[in-house]
N, C-alpha and C. Protein backbone atom coordinates (compact mmCIF):
# COMPACT_ATOMS: atom_id res chain seq x y z
N UNK A 1 -12.70 -53.01 -7.73
CA UNK A 1 -11.90 -52.66 -8.90
C UNK A 1 -12.39 -51.37 -9.53
N UNK A 2 -13.71 -51.24 -9.62
CA UNK A 2 -14.28 -50.03 -10.23
C UNK A 2 -13.91 -48.80 -9.40
N UNK A 3 -14.06 -48.94 -8.05
CA UNK A 3 -13.73 -47.82 -7.17
C UNK A 3 -12.27 -47.45 -7.28
N UNK A 4 -11.41 -48.48 -7.36
CA UNK A 4 -9.98 -48.22 -7.47
C UNK A 4 -9.65 -47.52 -8.78
N UNK A 5 -10.34 -47.94 -9.86
CA UNK A 5 -10.12 -47.31 -11.17
C UNK A 5 -10.55 -45.85 -11.15
N UNK A 6 -11.69 -45.58 -10.50
CA UNK A 6 -12.18 -44.20 -10.39
C UNK A 6 -11.20 -43.35 -9.59
N UNK A 7 -10.69 -43.94 -8.50
CA UNK A 7 -9.74 -43.22 -7.65
C UNK A 7 -8.46 -42.90 -8.41
N UNK A 8 -7.95 -43.91 -9.16
CA UNK A 8 -6.73 -43.69 -9.93
C UNK A 8 -6.96 -42.65 -11.03
N UNK A 9 -8.16 -42.69 -11.63
CA UNK A 9 -8.48 -41.72 -12.67
C UNK A 9 -8.54 -40.32 -12.11
N UNK A 10 -9.11 -40.16 -10.91
CA UNK A 10 -9.20 -38.85 -10.27
C UNK A 10 -7.82 -38.30 -9.95
N UNK A 11 -6.95 -39.18 -9.44
CA UNK A 11 -5.57 -38.76 -9.13
C UNK A 11 -4.85 -38.31 -10.38
N UNK A 12 -5.05 -39.08 -11.46
CA UNK A 12 -4.40 -38.73 -12.73
C UNK A 12 -4.89 -37.39 -13.24
N UNK A 13 -6.22 -37.14 -13.11
CA UNK A 13 -6.79 -35.87 -13.57
C UNK A 13 -6.24 -34.70 -12.77
N UNK A 14 -6.18 -34.84 -11.44
CA UNK A 14 -5.65 -33.78 -10.59
C UNK A 14 -4.19 -33.51 -10.91
N UNK A 15 -3.43 -34.57 -11.15
CA UNK A 15 -2.02 -34.42 -11.50
C UNK A 15 -1.86 -33.66 -12.81
N UNK A 16 -2.72 -34.00 -13.78
CA UNK A 16 -2.67 -33.33 -15.08
C UNK A 16 -3.01 -31.86 -14.95
N UNK A 17 -4.04 -31.56 -14.14
CA UNK A 17 -4.42 -30.16 -13.95
C UNK A 17 -3.32 -29.39 -13.25
N UNK A 18 -2.70 -30.00 -12.25
CA UNK A 18 -1.61 -29.33 -11.53
C UNK A 18 -0.44 -29.06 -12.46
N UNK A 19 -0.10 -30.06 -13.30
CA UNK A 19 1.00 -29.88 -14.24
C UNK A 19 0.67 -28.79 -15.25
N UNK A 20 -0.60 -28.76 -15.71
CA UNK A 20 -1.02 -27.76 -16.68
C UNK A 20 -0.90 -26.37 -16.10
N UNK A 21 -1.35 -26.18 -14.84
CA UNK A 21 -1.27 -24.86 -14.20
C UNK A 21 0.18 -24.45 -14.00
N UNK A 22 1.03 -25.44 -13.63
CA UNK A 22 2.45 -25.15 -13.42
C UNK A 22 3.13 -24.79 -14.73
N UNK A 23 2.74 -25.48 -15.80
CA UNK A 23 3.41 -25.30 -17.08
C UNK A 23 3.03 -24.00 -17.77
N UNK A 24 1.86 -23.43 -17.43
CA UNK A 24 1.44 -22.20 -18.07
C UNK A 24 2.35 -21.05 -17.64
N UNK A 25 2.70 -20.13 -18.55
CA UNK A 25 3.50 -18.98 -18.17
C UNK A 25 2.72 -18.07 -17.23
N UNK A 26 3.41 -17.41 -16.30
CA UNK A 26 2.75 -16.51 -15.37
C UNK A 26 2.14 -15.34 -16.14
N UNK A 27 0.99 -14.90 -15.64
CA UNK A 27 0.32 -13.77 -16.27
C UNK A 27 1.17 -12.51 -16.14
N UNK A 28 1.83 -12.37 -15.01
CA UNK A 28 2.70 -11.22 -14.76
C UNK A 28 4.10 -11.72 -14.40
N UNK A 29 5.11 -10.98 -14.87
CA UNK A 29 6.49 -11.45 -14.77
C UNK A 29 7.33 -10.46 -13.98
N UNK A 30 8.14 -10.99 -13.05
CA UNK A 30 9.07 -10.15 -12.27
C UNK A 30 10.05 -9.47 -13.21
N UNK A 31 10.32 -8.21 -12.94
CA UNK A 31 11.23 -7.45 -13.78
C UNK A 31 10.54 -6.73 -14.92
N UNK A 32 9.30 -7.15 -15.22
CA UNK A 32 8.52 -6.49 -16.27
C UNK A 32 7.28 -5.82 -15.68
N UNK A 33 6.49 -6.59 -14.95
CA UNK A 33 5.25 -6.07 -14.38
C UNK A 33 5.39 -5.67 -12.91
N UNK A 34 6.39 -6.18 -12.26
CA UNK A 34 6.66 -5.82 -10.87
C UNK A 34 8.13 -6.10 -10.58
N UNK A 35 8.63 -5.53 -9.49
CA UNK A 35 10.02 -5.74 -9.11
C UNK A 35 10.09 -6.54 -7.82
N UNK A 36 11.05 -7.46 -7.75
CA UNK A 36 11.32 -8.16 -6.51
C UNK A 36 12.32 -7.34 -5.70
N UNK A 37 12.01 -7.07 -4.45
CA UNK A 37 12.93 -6.29 -3.61
C UNK A 37 14.20 -7.10 -3.34
N UNK A 38 15.34 -6.43 -3.23
CA UNK A 38 16.61 -7.15 -3.00
C UNK A 38 16.57 -8.03 -1.76
N UNK A 39 15.87 -7.55 -0.73
CA UNK A 39 15.72 -8.33 0.50
C UNK A 39 14.32 -8.08 1.05
N UNK A 40 13.61 -9.11 1.50
CA UNK A 40 12.27 -8.91 2.06
C UNK A 40 12.29 -7.95 3.24
N UNK A 41 11.28 -7.11 3.32
CA UNK A 41 11.15 -6.16 4.43
C UNK A 41 10.12 -6.73 5.40
N UNK A 42 10.42 -6.68 6.67
CA UNK A 42 9.52 -7.23 7.68
C UNK A 42 8.16 -6.54 7.63
N UNK A 43 7.08 -7.32 7.69
CA UNK A 43 5.73 -6.78 7.67
C UNK A 43 5.18 -6.63 9.08
N UNK A 44 4.04 -5.92 9.19
CA UNK A 44 3.46 -5.68 10.51
C UNK A 44 2.87 -6.94 11.12
N UNK A 45 2.30 -7.81 10.28
CA UNK A 45 1.61 -9.02 10.77
C UNK A 45 2.01 -10.19 9.89
N UNK A 46 2.85 -11.06 10.42
CA UNK A 46 3.35 -12.20 9.65
C UNK A 46 2.25 -13.21 9.31
N UNK A 47 1.11 -13.11 9.98
CA UNK A 47 0.00 -14.03 9.73
C UNK A 47 -0.85 -13.60 8.55
N UNK A 48 -0.59 -12.40 8.04
CA UNK A 48 -1.39 -11.88 6.93
C UNK A 48 -0.50 -11.47 5.76
N UNK A 49 -1.13 -11.20 4.63
CA UNK A 49 -0.42 -10.74 3.43
C UNK A 49 -0.53 -9.22 3.39
N UNK A 50 0.57 -8.56 3.61
CA UNK A 50 0.55 -7.10 3.70
C UNK A 50 0.52 -6.45 2.32
N UNK A 51 -0.36 -5.48 2.16
CA UNK A 51 -0.41 -4.65 0.96
C UNK A 51 -0.19 -3.21 1.41
N UNK A 52 0.98 -2.68 1.05
CA UNK A 52 1.42 -1.37 1.51
C UNK A 52 1.14 -0.33 0.43
N UNK A 53 0.30 0.63 0.75
CA UNK A 53 -0.08 1.71 -0.17
C UNK A 53 0.88 2.88 0.03
N UNK A 54 1.82 3.04 -0.90
CA UNK A 54 2.85 4.07 -0.79
C UNK A 54 2.35 5.33 -1.49
N UNK A 55 2.19 6.41 -0.74
CA UNK A 55 1.60 7.62 -1.29
C UNK A 55 2.31 8.88 -0.81
N UNK A 56 2.01 9.98 -1.48
CA UNK A 56 2.37 11.32 -1.01
C UNK A 56 1.17 12.22 -1.26
N UNK A 57 0.80 12.98 -0.25
CA UNK A 57 -0.36 13.86 -0.37
C UNK A 57 -0.22 14.85 -1.53
N UNK A 58 1.00 15.24 -1.84
CA UNK A 58 1.22 16.23 -2.90
C UNK A 58 1.30 15.64 -4.30
N UNK A 59 1.09 14.36 -4.44
CA UNK A 59 1.20 13.67 -5.73
C UNK A 59 -0.17 13.56 -6.40
N UNK A 60 -0.32 14.16 -7.58
CA UNK A 60 -1.59 14.11 -8.29
C UNK A 60 -1.98 12.70 -8.69
N UNK A 61 -0.99 11.88 -9.05
CA UNK A 61 -1.27 10.48 -9.40
C UNK A 61 -1.80 9.72 -8.18
N UNK A 62 -1.24 10.01 -7.01
CA UNK A 62 -1.72 9.39 -5.77
C UNK A 62 -3.15 9.82 -5.46
N UNK A 63 -3.44 11.09 -5.72
CA UNK A 63 -4.78 11.62 -5.50
C UNK A 63 -5.79 10.86 -6.34
N UNK A 64 -5.44 10.57 -7.59
CA UNK A 64 -6.34 9.82 -8.48
C UNK A 64 -6.38 8.33 -8.12
N UNK A 65 -5.30 7.83 -7.54
CA UNK A 65 -5.23 6.41 -7.18
C UNK A 65 -6.03 6.10 -5.91
N UNK A 66 -6.18 7.08 -5.02
CA UNK A 66 -6.80 6.82 -3.73
C UNK A 66 -8.19 6.21 -3.80
N UNK A 67 -9.12 6.71 -4.63
CA UNK A 67 -10.44 6.06 -4.67
C UNK A 67 -10.34 4.60 -5.11
N UNK A 68 -9.40 4.29 -6.01
CA UNK A 68 -9.24 2.92 -6.49
C UNK A 68 -8.70 2.01 -5.39
N UNK A 69 -7.63 2.44 -4.73
CA UNK A 69 -7.01 1.60 -3.71
C UNK A 69 -7.89 1.49 -2.47
N UNK A 70 -8.64 2.57 -2.15
CA UNK A 70 -9.55 2.52 -1.01
C UNK A 70 -10.67 1.52 -1.27
N UNK A 71 -11.22 1.54 -2.49
CA UNK A 71 -12.27 0.58 -2.84
C UNK A 71 -11.72 -0.84 -2.81
N UNK A 72 -10.50 -1.01 -3.33
CA UNK A 72 -9.85 -2.32 -3.31
C UNK A 72 -9.69 -2.80 -1.87
N UNK A 73 -9.23 -1.93 -0.99
CA UNK A 73 -8.98 -2.30 0.40
C UNK A 73 -10.27 -2.69 1.12
N UNK A 74 -11.35 -1.99 0.83
CA UNK A 74 -12.63 -2.30 1.48
C UNK A 74 -13.14 -3.67 1.10
N UNK A 75 -12.74 -4.15 -0.08
CA UNK A 75 -13.21 -5.46 -0.55
C UNK A 75 -12.12 -6.53 -0.50
N UNK A 76 -11.02 -6.22 0.17
CA UNK A 76 -9.91 -7.17 0.24
C UNK A 76 -10.26 -8.37 1.11
N UNK A 77 -9.69 -9.53 0.81
CA UNK A 77 -9.95 -10.73 1.64
C UNK A 77 -9.47 -10.53 3.08
N UNK A 78 -9.97 -11.36 3.96
CA UNK A 78 -9.67 -11.23 5.39
C UNK A 78 -8.19 -11.46 5.71
N UNK A 79 -7.48 -12.18 4.84
CA UNK A 79 -6.07 -12.46 5.13
C UNK A 79 -5.13 -11.38 4.60
N UNK A 80 -5.69 -10.27 4.11
CA UNK A 80 -4.89 -9.15 3.61
C UNK A 80 -4.84 -8.04 4.66
N UNK A 81 -3.65 -7.53 4.91
CA UNK A 81 -3.45 -6.42 5.85
C UNK A 81 -3.09 -5.18 5.03
N UNK A 82 -4.06 -4.28 4.86
CA UNK A 82 -3.85 -3.05 4.08
C UNK A 82 -3.23 -1.99 4.98
N UNK A 83 -2.11 -1.43 4.55
CA UNK A 83 -1.37 -0.45 5.35
C UNK A 83 -1.00 0.74 4.47
N UNK A 84 -1.26 1.94 4.96
CA UNK A 84 -0.83 3.15 4.24
C UNK A 84 0.60 3.50 4.66
N UNK A 85 1.36 3.99 3.70
CA UNK A 85 2.75 4.33 3.98
C UNK A 85 3.12 5.62 3.25
N UNK A 86 3.31 6.72 3.98
CA UNK A 86 3.67 7.99 3.34
C UNK A 86 5.15 8.00 2.94
N UNK A 87 5.39 8.21 1.66
CA UNK A 87 6.77 8.26 1.16
C UNK A 87 7.45 9.56 1.59
N UNK A 88 8.76 9.49 1.75
CA UNK A 88 9.53 10.67 2.18
C UNK A 88 10.85 10.73 1.41
N UNK A 89 11.07 11.82 0.67
CA UNK A 89 12.41 12.08 0.16
C UNK A 89 12.75 13.56 0.14
N UNK A 90 11.92 14.39 0.80
CA UNK A 90 12.29 15.79 1.01
C UNK A 90 11.55 16.30 2.24
N UNK A 91 11.83 17.51 2.63
CA UNK A 91 11.28 18.04 3.88
C UNK A 91 9.76 18.22 3.83
N UNK A 92 9.23 18.63 2.68
CA UNK A 92 7.78 18.80 2.59
C UNK A 92 7.07 17.46 2.75
N UNK A 93 7.62 16.42 2.12
CA UNK A 93 7.03 15.09 2.27
C UNK A 93 7.12 14.62 3.72
N UNK A 94 8.16 15.03 4.40
CA UNK A 94 8.31 14.65 5.81
C UNK A 94 7.22 15.31 6.66
N UNK A 95 6.90 16.57 6.36
CA UNK A 95 5.81 17.26 7.05
C UNK A 95 4.49 16.55 6.78
N UNK A 96 4.28 16.16 5.54
CA UNK A 96 3.03 15.48 5.19
C UNK A 96 2.95 14.09 5.83
N UNK A 97 4.07 13.40 5.93
CA UNK A 97 4.09 12.12 6.64
C UNK A 97 3.76 12.33 8.11
N UNK A 98 4.28 13.40 8.67
CA UNK A 98 4.00 13.73 10.07
C UNK A 98 2.50 14.00 10.25
N UNK A 99 1.88 14.64 9.26
CA UNK A 99 0.44 14.89 9.31
C UNK A 99 -0.32 13.56 9.28
N UNK A 100 0.11 12.64 8.42
CA UNK A 100 -0.59 11.35 8.34
C UNK A 100 -0.48 10.59 9.67
N UNK A 101 0.72 10.50 10.23
CA UNK A 101 0.87 9.75 11.47
C UNK A 101 0.20 10.45 12.65
N UNK A 102 0.06 11.77 12.56
CA UNK A 102 -0.71 12.50 13.56
C UNK A 102 -2.18 12.08 13.48
N UNK A 103 -2.71 12.04 12.26
CA UNK A 103 -4.09 11.61 12.06
C UNK A 103 -4.29 10.18 12.55
N UNK A 104 -3.31 9.34 12.28
CA UNK A 104 -3.39 7.94 12.72
C UNK A 104 -3.41 7.86 14.24
N UNK A 105 -2.56 8.63 14.89
CA UNK A 105 -2.47 8.58 16.36
C UNK A 105 -3.75 9.10 17.02
N UNK A 106 -4.43 10.05 16.34
CA UNK A 106 -5.67 10.61 16.87
C UNK A 106 -6.90 9.85 16.38
N UNK A 107 -6.68 8.81 15.57
CA UNK A 107 -7.76 8.00 15.02
C UNK A 107 -8.73 8.85 14.19
N UNK A 108 -8.16 9.74 13.36
CA UNK A 108 -9.01 10.59 12.52
C UNK A 108 -8.60 10.51 11.04
N UNK A 109 -7.94 9.41 10.66
CA UNK A 109 -7.54 9.27 9.26
C UNK A 109 -8.75 9.35 8.35
N UNK A 110 -9.84 8.70 8.75
CA UNK A 110 -11.05 8.73 7.95
C UNK A 110 -11.61 10.12 7.75
N UNK A 111 -11.37 11.01 8.72
CA UNK A 111 -11.91 12.37 8.65
C UNK A 111 -11.03 13.33 7.85
N UNK A 112 -9.70 13.11 7.86
CA UNK A 112 -8.81 14.12 7.27
C UNK A 112 -7.99 13.64 6.08
N UNK A 113 -7.94 12.34 5.84
CA UNK A 113 -7.08 11.81 4.77
C UNK A 113 -7.47 12.41 3.41
N UNK A 114 -8.72 12.30 3.05
CA UNK A 114 -9.18 12.85 1.76
C UNK A 114 -9.11 14.37 1.73
N UNK A 115 -9.53 15.08 2.80
CA UNK A 115 -9.41 16.53 2.79
C UNK A 115 -7.97 17.04 2.61
N UNK A 116 -6.99 16.33 3.15
CA UNK A 116 -5.61 16.74 2.94
C UNK A 116 -5.25 16.63 1.46
N UNK A 117 -5.61 15.51 0.84
CA UNK A 117 -5.39 15.34 -0.60
C UNK A 117 -6.05 16.48 -1.38
N UNK A 118 -7.31 16.78 -1.05
CA UNK A 118 -8.07 17.79 -1.79
C UNK A 118 -7.49 19.19 -1.59
N UNK A 119 -7.08 19.50 -0.36
CA UNK A 119 -6.52 20.82 -0.09
C UNK A 119 -5.30 21.09 -0.97
N UNK A 120 -4.45 20.08 -1.10
CA UNK A 120 -3.21 20.25 -1.86
C UNK A 120 -3.46 20.18 -3.36
N UNK A 121 -4.24 19.21 -3.80
CA UNK A 121 -4.38 18.94 -5.23
C UNK A 121 -5.50 19.71 -5.91
N UNK A 122 -6.50 20.15 -5.17
CA UNK A 122 -7.60 20.89 -5.77
C UNK A 122 -7.61 22.37 -5.38
N UNK A 123 -7.18 22.65 -4.15
CA UNK A 123 -7.28 24.02 -3.65
C UNK A 123 -5.97 24.78 -3.67
N UNK A 124 -4.88 24.10 -4.00
CA UNK A 124 -3.58 24.77 -4.09
C UNK A 124 -2.96 25.14 -2.76
N UNK A 125 -3.47 24.56 -1.66
CA UNK A 125 -2.90 24.79 -0.34
C UNK A 125 -1.85 23.72 -0.08
N UNK A 126 -0.60 24.07 -0.06
CA UNK A 126 0.48 23.07 0.02
C UNK A 126 0.59 22.42 1.40
N UNK A 127 -0.06 23.00 2.41
CA UNK A 127 0.01 22.45 3.77
C UNK A 127 1.46 22.16 4.15
N UNK A 128 2.27 23.20 4.14
CA UNK A 128 3.70 23.03 4.30
C UNK A 128 4.22 23.34 5.70
N UNK A 129 3.31 23.58 6.65
CA UNK A 129 3.78 23.83 8.01
C UNK A 129 2.70 23.43 9.02
N UNK A 130 3.07 23.43 10.29
CA UNK A 130 2.16 22.99 11.34
C UNK A 130 0.92 23.88 11.43
N UNK A 131 1.08 25.18 11.24
CA UNK A 131 -0.06 26.10 11.35
C UNK A 131 -1.13 25.77 10.31
N UNK A 132 -0.71 25.56 9.07
CA UNK A 132 -1.67 25.27 8.01
C UNK A 132 -2.35 23.92 8.23
N UNK A 133 -1.58 22.95 8.69
CA UNK A 133 -2.16 21.63 8.97
C UNK A 133 -3.12 21.70 10.16
N UNK A 134 -2.76 22.48 11.17
CA UNK A 134 -3.63 22.62 12.34
C UNK A 134 -4.98 23.19 11.93
N UNK A 135 -4.97 24.16 11.02
CA UNK A 135 -6.22 24.76 10.56
C UNK A 135 -7.10 23.72 9.87
N UNK A 136 -6.48 22.86 9.07
CA UNK A 136 -7.27 21.83 8.38
C UNK A 136 -7.82 20.81 9.36
N UNK A 137 -6.99 20.37 10.29
CA UNK A 137 -7.44 19.37 11.26
C UNK A 137 -8.60 19.91 12.11
N UNK A 138 -8.47 21.16 12.57
CA UNK A 138 -9.53 21.73 13.41
C UNK A 138 -10.81 21.95 12.60
N UNK A 139 -10.65 22.27 11.31
CA UNK A 139 -11.81 22.42 10.43
C UNK A 139 -12.60 21.12 10.34
N UNK A 140 -11.93 20.01 10.54
CA UNK A 140 -12.59 18.71 10.44
C UNK A 140 -12.77 18.04 11.81
N UNK A 141 -12.90 18.89 12.84
CA UNK A 141 -13.36 18.41 14.13
C UNK A 141 -12.32 18.00 15.13
N UNK A 142 -11.03 18.25 14.84
CA UNK A 142 -9.96 17.87 15.76
C UNK A 142 -9.61 19.05 16.66
N UNK A 143 -9.53 18.82 17.95
CA UNK A 143 -9.16 19.87 18.90
C UNK A 143 -7.75 20.36 18.60
N UNK A 144 -7.56 21.68 18.58
CA UNK A 144 -6.28 22.27 18.20
C UNK A 144 -5.15 21.84 19.13
N UNK A 145 -5.44 21.78 20.41
CA UNK A 145 -4.41 21.39 21.37
C UNK A 145 -4.05 19.91 21.20
N UNK A 146 -5.05 19.08 20.94
CA UNK A 146 -4.80 17.65 20.72
C UNK A 146 -3.96 17.45 19.46
N UNK A 147 -4.25 18.24 18.42
CA UNK A 147 -3.46 18.15 17.20
C UNK A 147 -2.01 18.51 17.46
N UNK A 148 -1.78 19.64 18.12
CA UNK A 148 -0.42 20.11 18.37
C UNK A 148 0.37 19.10 19.21
N UNK A 149 -0.30 18.56 20.23
CA UNK A 149 0.36 17.59 21.10
C UNK A 149 0.78 16.34 20.32
N UNK A 150 -0.13 15.83 19.49
CA UNK A 150 0.17 14.63 18.71
C UNK A 150 1.22 14.92 17.64
N UNK A 151 1.08 16.04 16.96
CA UNK A 151 1.97 16.39 15.85
C UNK A 151 3.43 16.47 16.31
N UNK A 152 3.62 16.95 17.52
CA UNK A 152 4.98 17.12 18.05
C UNK A 152 5.39 16.02 19.02
N UNK A 153 4.62 14.96 19.06
CA UNK A 153 4.89 13.89 20.03
C UNK A 153 6.04 13.00 19.59
N UNK A 154 6.65 12.34 20.56
CA UNK A 154 7.74 11.41 20.28
C UNK A 154 7.28 10.23 19.42
N UNK A 155 6.11 9.61 19.72
CA UNK A 155 5.68 8.47 18.88
C UNK A 155 5.49 8.84 17.41
N UNK A 156 4.90 10.01 17.15
CA UNK A 156 4.69 10.42 15.76
C UNK A 156 6.02 10.68 15.07
N UNK A 157 6.91 11.38 15.73
CA UNK A 157 8.23 11.66 15.12
C UNK A 157 9.02 10.36 14.90
N UNK A 158 8.85 9.41 15.80
CA UNK A 158 9.52 8.11 15.64
C UNK A 158 9.00 7.40 14.40
N UNK A 159 7.68 7.41 14.20
CA UNK A 159 7.10 6.76 13.02
C UNK A 159 7.58 7.44 11.73
N UNK A 160 7.69 8.75 11.75
CA UNK A 160 8.19 9.47 10.57
C UNK A 160 9.62 9.05 10.27
N UNK A 161 10.44 9.00 11.30
CA UNK A 161 11.85 8.61 11.11
C UNK A 161 11.96 7.17 10.61
N UNK A 162 11.13 6.30 11.14
CA UNK A 162 11.14 4.90 10.68
C UNK A 162 10.71 4.79 9.23
N UNK A 163 9.68 5.55 8.86
CA UNK A 163 9.22 5.55 7.47
C UNK A 163 10.31 6.05 6.54
N UNK A 164 11.00 7.08 6.95
CA UNK A 164 12.08 7.64 6.13
C UNK A 164 13.22 6.63 5.96
N UNK A 165 13.54 5.91 7.01
CA UNK A 165 14.65 4.95 6.96
C UNK A 165 14.31 3.73 6.11
N UNK A 166 13.01 3.42 5.95
CA UNK A 166 12.61 2.25 5.16
C UNK A 166 12.52 2.54 3.67
N UNK A 167 12.66 3.79 3.29
CA UNK A 167 12.53 4.15 1.87
C UNK A 167 13.50 3.35 1.00
N UNK A 168 14.74 3.22 1.44
CA UNK A 168 15.73 2.49 0.66
C UNK A 168 15.40 1.00 0.59
N UNK A 169 14.91 0.46 1.72
CA UNK A 169 14.54 -0.96 1.75
C UNK A 169 13.45 -1.27 0.74
N UNK A 170 12.51 -0.35 0.58
CA UNK A 170 11.40 -0.55 -0.35
C UNK A 170 11.74 -0.18 -1.80
N UNK A 171 12.91 0.43 -2.00
CA UNK A 171 13.34 0.80 -3.35
C UNK A 171 12.35 1.78 -4.02
N UNK A 172 11.82 2.69 -3.22
CA UNK A 172 10.80 3.61 -3.73
C UNK A 172 11.46 4.82 -4.40
N UNK A 173 11.07 5.06 -5.64
CA UNK A 173 11.60 6.20 -6.40
C UNK A 173 10.49 7.08 -6.97
N UNK A 174 9.24 6.67 -6.75
CA UNK A 174 8.11 7.44 -7.25
C UNK A 174 6.87 7.07 -6.45
N UNK A 175 5.79 7.77 -6.70
CA UNK A 175 4.50 7.43 -6.09
C UNK A 175 3.41 7.58 -7.15
N UNK A 176 2.32 6.82 -7.04
CA UNK A 176 2.06 5.79 -6.03
C UNK A 176 2.75 4.48 -6.37
N UNK A 177 3.10 3.75 -5.33
CA UNK A 177 3.61 2.38 -5.43
C UNK A 177 2.78 1.51 -4.50
N UNK A 178 2.83 0.20 -4.75
CA UNK A 178 2.26 -0.76 -3.81
C UNK A 178 3.33 -1.81 -3.54
N UNK A 179 3.55 -2.10 -2.27
CA UNK A 179 4.48 -3.15 -1.86
C UNK A 179 3.66 -4.33 -1.35
N UNK A 180 3.85 -5.49 -1.95
CA UNK A 180 3.09 -6.67 -1.55
C UNK A 180 3.95 -7.58 -0.67
N UNK A 181 3.50 -7.72 0.57
CA UNK A 181 4.09 -8.62 1.57
C UNK A 181 5.59 -8.39 1.79
N UNK A 182 6.01 -7.15 1.66
CA UNK A 182 7.41 -6.81 1.90
C UNK A 182 8.37 -7.38 0.88
N UNK A 183 7.84 -7.86 -0.28
CA UNK A 183 8.69 -8.57 -1.25
C UNK A 183 8.65 -7.97 -2.65
N UNK A 184 7.50 -7.40 -3.03
CA UNK A 184 7.30 -7.01 -4.42
C UNK A 184 6.86 -5.56 -4.53
N UNK A 185 7.44 -4.84 -5.48
CA UNK A 185 7.12 -3.44 -5.73
C UNK A 185 6.30 -3.35 -7.03
N UNK A 186 5.14 -2.73 -6.95
CA UNK A 186 4.26 -2.57 -8.10
C UNK A 186 4.06 -1.09 -8.38
N UNK A 187 4.30 -0.68 -9.62
CA UNK A 187 4.06 0.71 -10.03
C UNK A 187 3.76 0.72 -11.51
N UNK A 188 3.36 1.87 -12.04
CA UNK A 188 3.11 1.94 -13.48
C UNK A 188 4.43 2.04 -14.24
N UNK A 189 4.44 1.45 -15.44
CA UNK A 189 5.59 1.53 -16.34
C UNK A 189 5.09 1.20 -17.75
N UNK A 190 6.00 0.90 -18.66
CA UNK A 190 5.59 0.62 -20.04
C UNK A 190 4.70 -0.61 -20.13
N UNK A 191 4.92 -1.57 -19.25
CA UNK A 191 4.12 -2.80 -19.26
C UNK A 191 2.88 -2.71 -18.37
N UNK A 192 2.89 -1.76 -17.45
CA UNK A 192 1.77 -1.56 -16.52
C UNK A 192 1.23 -0.16 -16.77
N UNK A 193 0.30 -0.06 -17.68
CA UNK A 193 -0.11 1.24 -18.21
C UNK A 193 -1.00 2.04 -17.28
N UNK A 194 -1.85 1.36 -16.53
CA UNK A 194 -2.86 2.07 -15.75
C UNK A 194 -2.80 1.68 -14.28
N UNK A 195 -3.46 2.48 -13.45
CA UNK A 195 -3.53 2.15 -12.03
C UNK A 195 -4.43 0.94 -11.78
N UNK A 196 -5.39 0.72 -12.67
CA UNK A 196 -6.19 -0.50 -12.57
C UNK A 196 -5.31 -1.73 -12.82
N UNK A 197 -4.36 -1.60 -13.76
CA UNK A 197 -3.41 -2.69 -14.02
C UNK A 197 -2.58 -2.97 -12.78
N UNK A 198 -2.18 -1.92 -12.07
CA UNK A 198 -1.42 -2.10 -10.83
C UNK A 198 -2.18 -3.00 -9.86
N UNK A 199 -3.46 -2.73 -9.70
CA UNK A 199 -4.25 -3.49 -8.73
C UNK A 199 -4.46 -4.93 -9.19
N UNK A 200 -4.54 -5.14 -10.51
CA UNK A 200 -4.64 -6.51 -11.01
C UNK A 200 -3.38 -7.29 -10.66
N UNK A 201 -2.23 -6.63 -10.76
CA UNK A 201 -0.96 -7.28 -10.41
C UNK A 201 -0.89 -7.52 -8.90
N UNK A 202 -1.40 -6.58 -8.12
CA UNK A 202 -1.46 -6.78 -6.67
C UNK A 202 -2.29 -8.01 -6.35
N UNK A 203 -3.43 -8.16 -6.99
CA UNK A 203 -4.27 -9.35 -6.79
C UNK A 203 -3.50 -10.63 -7.13
N UNK A 204 -2.78 -10.59 -8.24
CA UNK A 204 -1.98 -11.74 -8.68
C UNK A 204 -0.93 -12.11 -7.62
N UNK A 205 -0.23 -11.10 -7.10
CA UNK A 205 0.83 -11.35 -6.12
C UNK A 205 0.26 -11.79 -4.78
N UNK A 206 -0.88 -11.24 -4.39
CA UNK A 206 -1.54 -11.68 -3.15
C UNK A 206 -1.90 -13.16 -3.26
N UNK A 207 -2.47 -13.54 -4.40
CA UNK A 207 -2.82 -14.95 -4.61
C UNK A 207 -1.57 -15.84 -4.58
N UNK A 208 -0.49 -15.33 -5.16
CA UNK A 208 0.77 -16.07 -5.18
C UNK A 208 1.31 -16.27 -3.76
N UNK A 209 1.25 -15.21 -2.96
CA UNK A 209 1.70 -15.30 -1.57
C UNK A 209 0.81 -16.24 -0.76
N UNK A 210 -0.49 -16.18 -1.02
CA UNK A 210 -1.43 -17.05 -0.31
C UNK A 210 -1.12 -18.52 -0.61
N UNK A 211 -0.84 -18.81 -1.87
CA UNK A 211 -0.52 -20.19 -2.25
C UNK A 211 0.78 -20.64 -1.59
N UNK A 212 1.74 -19.73 -1.48
CA UNK A 212 3.01 -20.06 -0.85
C UNK A 212 2.85 -20.35 0.64
N UNK A 213 1.92 -19.64 1.27
CA UNK A 213 1.68 -19.84 2.70
C UNK A 213 0.96 -21.15 2.96
């Protein structure tokens, strides 16, 4: 009888805690702190929770966000898939996206990602053509011929075209943005004042997706 009473008491306590957690208002609210995409966008790995870092090399806000999101990504849980995504809505951004996917194909993102940001945002070099980008890549140890081959390759151009076509699906109108699991768009606004706030909301949505899975 005692054991049964303890068991029933434990069940009642767990039920009360579950109801209490359910009854509490969400810390962050759709439409205020983040946007729900009209239709989910397919992620790279359905077994993980995708966190898509939407950036443009020419964006000063993105330049300031990079150390924060990079630190976040390094400490992200094992079930999170961090993916960079270069935004595109004009020809210069398309060139910069091509530079990113070139770096990715050559496995030199770690070597050139930050220098590209710095060249544009600190040194005033817009990196607006292949020649200027080639100079930067070779300065950081990439063979000039390998750069040119990758930059003009079919796989890189395909990735750029795919990124451009997904812009509407992601409802991207500014940078930086973060897309969580192909479902939620996070950016700064009146309710999300800082980039640190953005990452807090990303954590909230990751936890929400994890619970749903």
